PDB file of N, CA and C in Angstrom:
ATOM      1  N   MET A   1     223.274 193.859  18.924  1.00  0.00           N
ATOM      2  CA  MET A   1     222.465 194.972  19.372  1.00  0.00           C
ATOM      3  C   MET A   1     220.984 194.619  19.349  1.00  0.00           C
ATOM      4  N   PHE A   2     220.594 193.827  18.366  1.00  0.00           N
ATOM      5  CA  PHE A   2     219.198 193.412  18.267  1.00  0.00           C
ATOM      6  C   PHE A   2     218.783 192.606  19.496  1.00  0.00           C
ATOM      7  N   ILE A   3     219.705 191.768  19.987  1.00  0.00           N
ATOM      8  CA  ILE A   3     219.405 190.952  21.169  1.00  0.00           C
ATOM      9  C   ILE A   3     219.187 191.835  22.386  1.00  0.00           C
ATOM     10  N   VAL A   4     220.027 192.852  22.558  1.00  0.00           N
ATOM     11  CA  VAL A   4     219.911 193.754  23.704  1.00  0.00           C
ATOM     12  C   VAL A   4     218.566 194.474  23.679  1.00  0.00           C
ATOM     13  N   ILE A   5     218.202 194.996  22.530  1.00  0.00           N
ATOM     14  CA  ILE A   5     216.926 195.712  22.399  1.00  0.00           C
ATOM     15  C   ILE A   5     215.754 194.750  22.603  1.00  0.00           C
ATOM     16  N   SER A   6     215.864 193.533  22.084  1.00  0.00           N
ATOM     17  CA  SER A   6     214.800 192.543  22.259  1.00  0.00           C
ATOM     18  C   SER A   6     214.612 192.187  23.734  1.00  0.00           C
ATOM     19  N   VAL A   7     215.712 192.007  24.462  1.00  0.00           N
ATOM     20  CA  VAL A   7     215.617 191.682  25.887  1.00  0.00           C
ATOM     21  C   VAL A   7     214.987 192.846  26.649  1.00  0.00           C
ATOM     22  N   MET A   8     215.363 194.071  26.301  1.00  0.00           N
ATOM     23  CA  MET A   8     214.785 195.232  26.965  1.00  0.00           C
ATOM     24  C   MET A   8     213.285 195.326  26.677  1.00  0.00           C
ATOM     25  N   LEU A   9     212.892 195.125  25.438  1.00  0.00           N
ATOM     26  CA  LEU A   9     211.464 195.170  25.094  1.00  0.00           C
ATOM     27  C   LEU A   9     210.686 194.052  25.781  1.00  0.00           C
ATOM     28  N   ALA A  10     211.310 192.877  25.909  1.00  0.00           N
ATOM     29  CA  ALA A  10     210.658 191.776  26.623  1.00  0.00           C
ATOM     30  C   ALA A  10     210.466 192.148  28.093  1.00  0.00           C
ATOM     31  N   GLY A  11     211.461 192.801  28.691  1.00  0.00           N
ATOM     32  CA  GLY A  11     211.337 193.256  30.073  1.00  0.00           C
ATOM     33  C   GLY A  11     210.229 194.274  30.236  1.00  0.00           C
ATOM     34  N   ILE A  12     210.104 195.169  29.280  1.00  0.00           N
ATOM     35  CA  ILE A  12     209.026 196.161  29.331  1.00  0.00           C
ATOM     36  C   ILE A  12     207.673 195.460  29.239  1.00  0.00           C
ATOM     37  N   ALA A  13     207.560 194.486  28.355  1.00  0.00           N
ATOM     38  CA  ALA A  13     206.296 193.759  28.194  1.00  0.00           C
ATOM     39  C   ALA A  13     205.936 193.003  29.474  1.00  0.00           C
ATOM     40  N   VAL A  14     206.906 192.312  30.071  1.00  0.00           N
ATOM     41  CA  VAL A  14     206.645 191.580  31.312  1.00  0.00           C
ATOM     42  C   VAL A  14     206.299 192.559  32.434  1.00  0.00           C
ATOM     43  N   GLY A  15     207.011 193.666  32.498  1.00  0.00           N
ATOM     44  CA  GLY A  15     206.709 194.683  33.500  1.00  0.00           C
ATOM     45  C   GLY A  15     205.304 195.238  33.338  1.00  0.00           C
ATOM     46  N   TYR A  16     204.886 195.418  32.111  1.00  0.00           N
ATOM     47  CA  TYR A  16     203.528 195.904  31.854  1.00  0.00           C
ATOM     48  C   TYR A  16     202.490 194.888  32.319  1.00  0.00           C
ATOM     49  N   LEU A  17     202.763 193.618  32.044  1.00  0.00           N
ATOM     50  CA  LEU A  17     201.823 192.573  32.449  1.00  0.00           C
ATOM     51  C   LEU A  17     201.766 192.406  33.973  1.00  0.00           C
ATOM     52  N   LEU A  18     202.872 192.663  34.650  1.00  0.00           N
ATOM     53  CA  LEU A  18     202.936 192.488  36.095  1.00  0.00           C
ATOM     54  C   LEU A  18     202.777 193.797  36.863  1.00  0.00           C
ATOM     55  N   ARG A  19     202.317 194.836  36.220  1.00  0.00           N
ATOM     56  CA  ARG A  19     202.275 196.156  36.844  1.00  0.00           C
ATOM     57  C   ARG A  19     201.373 196.234  38.075  1.00  0.00           C
ATOM     58  N   ARG A  20     200.432 195.349  38.205  1.00  0.00           N
ATOM     59  CA  ARG A  20     199.524 195.368  39.352  1.00  0.00           C
ATOM     60  C   ARG A  20     200.098 194.635  40.564  1.00  0.00           C
ATOM     61  N   TRP A  21     201.130 193.855  40.369  1.00  0.00           N
ATOM     62  CA  TRP A  21     201.751 193.112  41.460  1.00  0.00           C
ATOM     63  C   TRP A  21     202.704 194.013  42.218  1.00  0.00           C
ATOM     64  N   LYS A  22     202.847 193.779  43.501  1.00  0.00           N
ATOM     65  CA  LYS A  22     203.797 194.534  44.326  1.00  0.00           C
ATOM     66  C   LYS A  22     205.110 193.752  44.386  1.00  0.00           C
ATOM     67  N   LEU A  23     206.031 194.058  43.497  1.00  0.00           N
ATOM     68  CA  LEU A  23     207.323 193.382  43.443  1.00  0.00           C
ATOM     69  C   LEU A  23     208.345 194.235  44.192  1.00  0.00           C
ATOM     70  N   ARG A  24     208.315 194.176  45.499  1.00  0.00           N
ATOM     71  CA  ARG A  24     209.149 195.038  46.332  1.00  0.00           C
ATOM     72  C   ARG A  24     210.635 194.691  46.260  1.00  0.00           C
ATOM     73  N   PHE A  25     210.961 193.469  45.905  1.00  0.00           N
ATOM     74  CA  PHE A  25     212.360 193.044  45.872  1.00  0.00           C
ATOM     75  C   PHE A  25     213.102 193.553  44.642  1.00  0.00           C
ATOM     76  N   ILE A  26     212.385 194.042  43.642  1.00  0.00           N
ATOM     77  CA  ILE A  26     213.009 194.452  42.379  1.00  0.00           C
ATOM     78  C   ILE A  26     214.020 195.576  42.596  1.00  0.00           C
ATOM     79  N   HIS A  27     213.677 196.568  43.402  1.00  0.00           N
ATOM     80  CA  HIS A  27     214.585 197.699  43.626  1.00  0.00           C
ATOM     81  C   HIS A  27     215.922 197.218  44.191  1.00  0.00           C
ATOM     82  N   GLY A  28     215.878 196.378  45.202  1.00  0.00           N
ATOM     83  CA  GLY A  28     217.104 195.856  45.796  1.00  0.00           C
ATOM     84  C   GLY A  28     217.891 195.005  44.816  1.00  0.00           C
ATOM     85  N   LEU A  29     217.187 194.218  44.020  1.00  0.00           N
ATOM     86  CA  LEU A  29     217.845 193.379  43.024  1.00  0.00           C
ATOM     87  C   LEU A  29     218.554 194.231  41.977  1.00  0.00           C
ATOM     88  N   ILE A  30     217.889 195.262  41.498  1.00  0.00           N
ATOM     89  CA  ILE A  30     218.489 196.148  40.498  1.00  0.00           C
ATOM     90  C   ILE A  30     219.708 196.847  41.072  1.00  0.00           C
ATOM     91  N   LEU A  31     219.605 197.348  42.284  1.00  0.00           N
ATOM     92  CA  LEU A  31     220.733 198.028  42.919  1.00  0.00           C
ATOM     93  C   LEU A  31     221.916 197.079  43.073  1.00  0.00           C
ATOM     94  N   THR A  32     221.652 195.858  43.509  1.00  0.00           N
ATOM     95  CA  THR A  32     222.721 194.868  43.662  1.00  0.00           C
ATOM     96  C   THR A  32     223.374 194.558  42.322  1.00  0.00           C
ATOM     97  N   LEU A  33     222.577 194.398  41.282  1.00  0.00           N
ATOM     98  CA  LEU A  33     223.127 194.095  39.955  1.00  0.00           C
ATOM     99  C   LEU A  33     223.946 195.257  39.401  1.00  0.00           C
ATOM    100  N   ILE A  34     223.524 196.483  39.664  1.00  0.00           N
ATOM    101  CA  ILE A  34     224.295 197.646  39.207  1.00  0.00           C
ATOM    102  C   ILE A  34     225.653 197.670  39.895  1.00  0.00           C
ATOM    103  N   TRP A  35     225.677 197.437  41.217  1.00  0.00           N
ATOM    104  CA  TRP A  35     226.958 197.397  41.941  1.00  0.00           C
ATOM    105  C   TRP A  35     227.847 196.275  41.424  1.00  0.00           C
ATOM    106  N   LEU A  36     227.249 195.125  41.141  1.00  0.00           N
ATOM    107  CA  LEU A  36     228.008 194.001  40.606  1.00  0.00           C
ATOM    108  C   LEU A  36     228.589 194.333  39.232  1.00  0.00           C
ATOM    109  N   LEU A  37     227.795 194.961  38.380  1.00  0.00           N
ATOM    110  CA  LEU A  37     228.288 195.355  37.055  1.00  0.00           C
ATOM    111  C   LEU A  37     229.429 196.365  37.153  1.00  0.00           C
ATOM    112  N   LEU A  38     229.305 197.326  38.071  1.00  0.00           N
ATOM    113  CA  LEU A  38     230.382 198.296  38.252  1.00  0.00           C
ATOM    114  C   LEU A  38     231.655 197.623  38.755  1.00  0.00           C
ATOM    115  N   PHE A  39     231.508 196.683  39.679  1.00  0.00           N
ATOM    116  CA  PHE A  39     232.667 195.947  40.179  1.00  0.00           C
ATOM    117  C   PHE A  39     233.327 195.163  39.053  1.00  0.00           C
ATOM    118  N   LEU A  40     232.515 194.456  38.257  1.00  0.00           N
ATOM    119  CA  LEU A  40     233.068 193.663  37.154  1.00  0.00           C
ATOM    120  C   LEU A  40     233.729 194.544  36.097  1.00  0.00           C
ATOM    121  N   LEU A  41     233.179 195.725  35.857  1.00  0.00           N
ATOM    122  CA  LEU A  41     233.814 196.657  34.931  1.00  0.00           C
ATOM    123  C   LEU A  41     235.179 197.083  35.459  1.00  0.00           C
ATOM    124  N   GLY A  42     235.251 197.404  36.749  1.00  0.00           N
ATOM    125  CA  GLY A  42     236.527 197.750  37.362  1.00  0.00           C
ATOM    126  C   GLY A  42     237.507 196.594  37.317  1.00  0.00           C
ATOM    127  N   LEU A  43     237.025 195.387  37.534  1.00  0.00           N
ATOM    128  CA  LEU A  43     237.873 194.203  37.463  1.00  0.00           C
ATOM    129  C   LEU A  43     238.434 194.024  36.059  1.00  0.00           C
ATOM    130  N   GLU A  44     237.579 194.213  35.070  1.00  0.00           N
ATOM    131  CA  GLU A  44     238.018 194.094  33.673  1.00  0.00           C
ATOM    132  C   GLU A  44     239.084 195.139  33.338  1.00  0.00           C
ATOM    133  N   VAL A  45     238.867 196.366  33.760  1.00  0.00           N
ATOM    134  CA  VAL A  45     239.848 197.426  33.498  1.00  0.00           C
ATOM    135  C   VAL A  45     241.149 197.136  34.243  1.00  0.00           C
ATOM    136  N   GLY A  46     241.035 196.697  35.490  1.00  0.00           N
ATOM    137  CA  GLY A  46     242.221 196.429  36.297  1.00  0.00           C
ATOM    138  C   GLY A  46     243.061 195.276  35.790  1.00  0.00           C
ATOM    139  N   THR A  47     242.446 194.309  35.132  1.00  0.00           N
ATOM    140  CA  THR A  47     243.202 193.175  34.613  1.00  0.00           C
ATOM    141  C   THR A  47     243.721 193.403  33.193  1.00  0.00           C
ATOM    142  N   ASN A  48     243.343 194.501  32.580  1.00  0.00           N
ATOM    143  CA  ASN A  48     243.815 194.820  31.235  1.00  0.00           C
ATOM    144  C   ASN A  48     245.148 195.561  31.352  1.00  0.00           C
ATOM    145  N   GLU A  49     246.230 194.871  31.035  1.00  0.00           N
ATOM    146  CA  GLU A  49     247.570 195.445  31.211  1.00  0.00           C
ATOM    147  C   GLU A  49     247.777 196.700  30.367  1.00  0.00           C
ATOM    148  N   THR A  50     247.230 196.725  29.178  1.00  0.00           N
ATOM    149  CA  THR A  50     247.398 197.895  28.313  1.00  0.00           C
ATOM    150  C   THR A  50     246.771 199.127  28.949  1.00  0.00           C
ATOM    151  N   VAL A  51     245.582 198.982  29.477  1.00  0.00           N
ATOM    152  CA  VAL A  51     244.891 200.112  30.099  1.00  0.00           C
ATOM    153  C   VAL A  51     245.646 200.560  31.345  1.00  0.00           C
ATOM    154  N   VAL A  52     246.064 199.605  32.167  1.00  0.00           N
ATOM    155  CA  VAL A  52     246.775 199.947  33.402  1.00  0.00           C
ATOM    156  C   VAL A  52     248.098 200.649  33.087  1.00  0.00           C
ATOM    157  N   ARG A  53     248.816 200.169  32.071  1.00  0.00           N
ATOM    158  CA  ARG A  53     250.088 200.817  31.695  1.00  0.00           C
ATOM    159  C   ARG A  53     249.879 202.227  31.167  1.00  0.00           C
ATOM    160  N   GLN A  54     248.725 202.489  30.560  1.00  0.00           N
ATOM    161  CA  GLN A  54     248.472 203.789  29.948  1.00  0.00           C
ATOM    162  C   GLN A  54     247.754 204.769  30.868  1.00  0.00           C
ATOM    163  N   PHE A  55     247.519 204.387  32.130  1.00  0.00           N
ATOM    164  CA  PHE A  55     246.843 205.292  33.065  1.00  0.00           C
ATOM    165  C   PHE A  55     247.539 206.643  33.142  1.00  0.00           C
ATOM    166  N   GLY A  56     248.849 206.636  33.196  1.00  0.00           N
ATOM    167  CA  GLY A  56     249.600 207.886  33.279  1.00  0.00           C
ATOM    168  C   GLY A  56     249.437 208.754  32.047  1.00  0.00           C
ATOM    169  N   ASN A  57     249.253 208.139  30.910  1.00  0.00           N
ATOM    170  CA  ASN A  57     249.118 208.882  29.656  1.00  0.00           C
ATOM    171  C   ASN A  57     247.696 209.385  29.413  1.00  0.00           C
ATOM    172  N   LEU A  58     246.764 208.828  30.129  1.00  0.00           N
ATOM    173  CA  LEU A  58     245.380 209.256  29.917  1.00  0.00           C
ATOM    174  C   LEU A  58     245.190 210.714  30.297  1.00  0.00           C
ATOM    175  N   GLY A  59     245.834 211.113  31.351  1.00  0.00           N
ATOM    176  CA  GLY A  59     245.872 212.520  31.706  1.00  0.00           C
ATOM    177  C   GLY A  59     244.659 213.047  32.445  1.00  0.00           C
ATOM    178  N   LEU A  60     244.800 214.272  32.859  1.00  0.00           N
ATOM    179  CA  LEU A  60     243.784 214.956  33.639  1.00  0.00           C
ATOM    180  C   LEU A  60     242.510 215.177  32.824  1.00  0.00           C
ATOM    181  N   GLU A  61     242.656 215.440  31.549  1.00  0.00           N
ATOM    182  CA  GLU A  61     241.480 215.703  30.713  1.00  0.00           C
ATOM    183  C   GLU A  61     240.545 214.500  30.672  1.00  0.00           C
ATOM    184  N   ALA A  62     241.095 213.298  30.522  1.00  0.00           N
ATOM    185  CA  ALA A  62     240.261 212.093  30.502  1.00  0.00           C
ATOM    186  C   ALA A  62     239.573 211.897  31.850  1.00  0.00           C
ATOM    187  N   PHE A  63     240.287 212.161  32.930  1.00  0.00           N
ATOM    188  CA  PHE A  63     239.698 212.033  34.267  1.00  0.00           C
ATOM    189  C   PHE A  63     238.556 213.014  34.448  1.00  0.00           C
ATOM    190  N   ILE A  64     238.747 214.246  33.996  1.00  0.00           N
ATOM    191  CA  ILE A  64     237.699 215.266  34.120  1.00  0.00           C
ATOM    192  C   ILE A  64     236.487 214.893  33.279  1.00  0.00           C
ATOM    193  N   LEU A  65     236.706 214.421  32.059  1.00  0.00           N
ATOM    194  CA  LEU A  65     235.587 214.031  31.198  1.00  0.00           C
ATOM    195  C   LEU A  65     234.806 212.864  31.797  1.00  0.00           C
ATOM    196  N   ALA A  66     235.517 211.863  32.294  1.00  0.00           N
ATOM    197  CA  ALA A  66     234.839 210.711  32.893  1.00  0.00           C
ATOM    198  C   ALA A  66     234.080 211.130  34.151  1.00  0.00           C
ATOM    199  N   SER A  67     234.690 211.962  34.969  1.00  0.00           N
ATOM    200  CA  SER A  67     234.028 212.413  36.194  1.00  0.00           C
ATOM    201  C   SER A  67     232.801 213.258  35.878  1.00  0.00           C
ATOM    202  N   ALA A  68     232.916 214.138  34.899  1.00  0.00           N
ATOM    203  CA  ALA A  68     231.782 214.983  34.521  1.00  0.00           C
ATOM    204  C   ALA A  68     230.641 214.141  33.949  1.00  0.00           C
ATOM    205  N   ALA A  69     230.967 213.140  33.143  1.00  0.00           N
ATOM    206  CA  ALA A  69     229.929 212.275  32.581  1.00  0.00           C
ATOM    207  C   ALA A  69     229.226 211.496  33.692  1.00  0.00           C
ATOM    208  N   THR A  70     229.994 210.983  34.623  1.00  0.00           N
ATOM    209  CA  THR A  70     229.401 210.243  35.740  1.00  0.00           C
ATOM    210  C   THR A  70     228.548 211.151  36.601  1.00  0.00           C
ATOM    211  N   LEU A  71     229.063 212.313  36.930  1.00  0.00           N
ATOM    212  CA  LEU A  71     228.309 213.265  37.741  1.00  0.00           C
ATOM    213  C   LEU A  71     227.027 213.694  37.029  1.00  0.00           C
ATOM    214  N   GLY A  72     227.111 213.941  35.732  1.00  0.00           N
ATOM    215  CA  GLY A  72     225.931 214.325  34.962  1.00  0.00           C
ATOM    216  C   GLY A  72     224.881 213.223  34.953  1.00  0.00           C
ATOM    217  N   SER A  73     225.312 211.978  34.820  1.00  0.00           N
ATOM    218  CA  SER A  73     224.374 210.857  34.840  1.00  0.00           C
ATOM    219  C   SER A  73     223.714 210.714  36.202  1.00  0.00           C
ATOM    220  N   VAL A  74     224.500 210.840  37.264  1.00  0.00           N
ATOM    221  CA  VAL A  74     223.955 210.734  38.610  1.00  0.00           C
ATOM    222  C   VAL A  74     222.967 211.866  38.871  1.00  0.00           C
ATOM    223  N   LEU A  75     223.320 213.072  38.459  1.00  0.00           N
ATOM    224  CA  LEU A  75     222.444 214.222  38.654  1.00  0.00           C
ATOM    225  C   LEU A  75     221.135 214.060  37.872  1.00  0.00           C
ATOM    226  N   ALA A  76     221.233 213.619  36.626  1.00  0.00           N
ATOM    227  CA  ALA A  76     220.029 213.423  35.817  1.00  0.00           C
ATOM    228  C   ALA A  76     219.135 212.333  36.414  1.00  0.00           C
ATOM    229  N   ALA A  77     219.738 211.251  36.881  1.00  0.00           N
ATOM    230  CA  ALA A  77     218.956 210.179  37.501  1.00  0.00           C
ATOM    231  C   ALA A  77     218.289 210.671  38.781  1.00  0.00           C
ATOM    232  N   TRP A  78     219.004 211.450  39.568  1.00  0.00           N
ATOM    233  CA  TRP A  78     218.438 211.980  40.810  1.00  0.00           C
ATOM    234  C   TRP A  78     217.266 212.921  40.509  1.00  0.00           C
ATOM    235  N   LEU A  79     217.434 213.800  39.523  1.00  0.00           N
ATOM    236  CA  LEU A  79     216.352 214.716  39.160  1.00  0.00           C
ATOM    237  C   LEU A  79     215.129 213.952  38.658  1.00  0.00           C
ATOM    238  N   LEU A  80     215.351 212.911  37.888  1.00  0.00           N
ATOM    239  CA  LEU A  80     214.247 212.090  37.402  1.00  0.00           C
ATOM    240  C   LEU A  80     213.553 211.401  38.575  1.00  0.00           C
ATOM    241  N   TRP A  81     214.330 210.887  39.518  1.00  0.00           N
ATOM    242  CA  TRP A  81     213.771 210.233  40.702  1.00  0.00           C
ATOM    243  C   TRP A  81     212.930 211.214  41.515  1.00  0.00           C
ATOM    244  N   VAL A  82     213.449 212.416  41.733  1.00  0.00           N
ATOM    245  CA  VAL A  82     212.716 213.429  42.489  1.00  0.00           C
ATOM    246  C   VAL A  82     211.429 213.799  41.756  1.00  0.00           C
ATOM    247  N   SER A  83     211.493 213.916  40.449  1.00  0.00           N
ATOM    248  CA  SER A  83     210.312 214.253  39.648  1.00  0.00           C
ATOM    249  C   SER A  83     209.237 213.176  39.784  1.00  0.00           C
ATOM    250  N   PHE A  84     209.627 211.917  39.713  1.00  0.00           N
ATOM    251  CA  PHE A  84     208.663 210.827  39.857  1.00  0.00           C
ATOM    252  C   PHE A  84     208.106 210.761  41.269  1.00  0.00           C
ATOM    253  N   LYS A  85     208.936 211.009  42.258  1.00  0.00           N
ATOM    254  CA  LYS A  85     208.474 210.976  43.641  1.00  0.00           C
ATOM    255  C   LYS A  85     207.435 212.073  43.882  1.00  0.00           C
ATOM    256  N   ARG A  86     207.681 213.260  43.358  1.00  0.00           N
ATOM    257  CA  ARG A  86     206.726 214.357  43.530  1.00  0.00           C
ATOM    258  C   ARG A  86     205.395 214.045  42.876  1.00  0.00           C
ATOM    259  N   LYS A  87     205.443 213.445  41.689  1.00  0.00           N
ATOM    260  CA  LYS A  87     204.211 213.096  40.983  1.00  0.00           C
ATOM    261  C   LYS A  87     203.449 212.012  41.726  1.00  0.00           C
ATOM    262  N   SER A  88     204.159 211.051  42.324  1.00  0.00           N
ATOM    263  CA  SER A  88     203.472 209.963  43.033  1.00  0.00           C
ATOM    264  C   SER A  88     202.917 210.441  44.363  1.00  0.00           C
ATOM    265  N   ILE A  89     203.539 211.441  44.989  1.00  0.00           N
ATOM    266  CA  ILE A  89     203.036 211.995  46.244  1.00  0.00           C
ATOM    267  C   ILE A  89     201.774 212.804  45.977  1.00  0.00           C
ATOM    268  N   GLY A  90     201.728 213.485  44.830  1.00  0.00           N
ATOM    269  CA  GLY A  90     200.595 214.324  44.499  1.00  0.00           C
ATOM    270  C   GLY A  90     199.329 213.548  44.170  1.00  0.00           C
ATOM    271  N   LYS A  91     199.431 212.246  43.944  1.00  0.00           N
ATOM    272  CA  LYS A  91     198.240 211.450  43.586  1.00  0.00           C
ATOM    273  C   LYS A  91     197.350 211.204  44.753  1.00  0.00           C
TER     274      LYS A  91
END
């Protein structure tokens, strides 16, 4: 966990130092990496025989909880994006 936090803090520090540069490719790179991570997560779940065998036992409740968590995250990210866009337009 310390390594993860250290890497994140290093990214924040580098981002702070490079804040004046126009790094237009970063958005596309981040989006591509997120899609890749989601694909790899699905691949990992799909190759795990125990998880695949237990899909039927997971039930509707697990599906609803996972869907609600995903929807909530997407909604929160969208609201944050809209909030930042409004603030940047107002400048």
